[in-house]
Amino acid sequence: MEKDMKHLDRETEKRLNTVVKAIGTLFILSFLAHLVISSWRDDQYGFTLLALIAGSALVSINLGRRKKGKEDY
């Protein structure tokens, strides 16, 4: 039975890592969207701006990693 349990091949492992990163990014962005909406309702515009900047920075970092990863193939 131990012989049947092989490690994932490299391509499958990369796809799995991409899916995990995408799910994590969506979770963080949904949390930031919640912060933006709740702070907008409470008229805390400085906090809204901070959450928007953090979200845009996260997206740009994630897109930068994807472009770099595509060059490796």
Protein backbone atom coordinates (compact mmCIF):
# COMPACT_ATOMS: atom_id res chain seq x y z
CA MET A 1 0.00 0.00 0.00
CA GLU A 2 2.91 2.36 0.61
CA LYS A 3 3.94 1.95 -3.02
CA ASP A 4 0.52 3.23 -4.13
CA MET A 5 0.95 6.47 -2.19
CA LYS A 6 3.26 8.40 -4.47
CA HIS A 7 4.10 12.05 -4.26
CA LEU A 8 2.26 14.41 -6.56
CA ASP A 9 4.02 15.13 -9.80
CA ARG A 10 5.50 18.58 -10.27
CA GLU A 11 2.74 19.95 -12.51
CA THR A 12 -0.04 18.84 -10.17
CA GLU A 13 1.79 20.31 -7.22
CA LYS A 14 2.14 23.67 -8.99
CA ARG A 15 -1.56 23.68 -9.86
CA LEU A 16 -2.49 22.86 -6.28
CA ASN A 17 -0.29 25.69 -5.01
CA THR A 18 -1.95 28.08 -7.47
CA VAL A 19 -5.41 27.05 -6.26
CA VAL A 20 -4.41 27.48 -2.62
CA LYS A 21 -2.97 30.95 -3.34
CA ALA A 22 -6.13 31.93 -5.24
CA ILE A 23 -8.39 30.81 -2.40
CA GLY A 24 -6.24 32.68 0.13
CA THR A 25 -6.26 35.82 -2.01
CA LEU A 26 -10.04 35.68 -2.41
CA PHE A 27 -10.47 35.24 1.34
CA ILE A 28 -8.25 38.23 2.12
CA LEU A 29 -9.91 40.39 -0.54
CA SER A 30 -13.38 39.50 0.74
CA PHE A 31 -12.29 40.45 4.26
CA LEU A 32 -10.90 43.76 2.99
CA ALA A 33 -14.14 44.37 1.07
CA HIS A 34 -16.05 43.78 4.30
CA LEU A 35 -13.81 46.32 6.06
CA VAL A 36 -14.34 48.85 3.26
CA ILE A 37 -18.12 48.49 3.37
CA SER A 38 -18.36 48.63 7.17
CA SER A 39 -16.00 51.61 7.46
CA TRP A 40 -17.82 53.40 4.63
CA ARG A 41 -21.10 53.03 6.51
CA ASP A 42 -19.50 54.44 9.68
CA ASP A 43 -18.02 57.43 7.78
CA GLN A 44 -14.44 56.37 8.53
CA TYR A 45 -13.01 57.26 5.13
CA GLY A 46 -9.36 57.07 6.19
CA PHE A 47 -9.76 53.42 7.16
CA THR A 48 -11.61 52.78 3.90
CA LEU A 49 -8.69 54.20 1.94
CA LEU A 50 -6.22 52.11 3.94
CA ALA A 51 -8.16 48.90 3.22
CA LEU A 52 -8.35 49.75 -0.50
CA ILE A 53 -4.60 50.38 -0.66
CA ALA A 54 -3.88 47.10 1.12
CA GLY A 55 -6.17 45.22 -1.27
CA SER A 56 -4.61 46.72 -4.37
CA ALA A 57 -1.11 45.97 -3.04
CA LEU A 58 -2.08 42.36 -2.40
CA VAL A 59 -3.48 41.94 -5.90
CA SER A 60 -0.41 43.47 -7.54
CA ILE A 61 1.93 41.24 -5.52
CA ASN A 62 -0.09 38.16 -6.42
CA LEU A 63 -0.18 39.07 -10.12
CA GLY A 64 3.56 39.69 -10.07
CA ARG A 65 4.16 36.20 -8.69
CA ARG A 66 1.98 34.66 -11.38
CA LYS A 67 3.86 36.39 -14.19
CA LYS A 68 7.17 35.26 -12.73
CA GLY A 69 5.84 31.72 -12.40
CA LYS A 70 4.74 31.62 -16.03
CA GLU A 71 8.27 32.46 -17.18
CA ASP A 72 9.59 29.38 -15.39
CA TYR A 73 7.68 26.97 -17.64
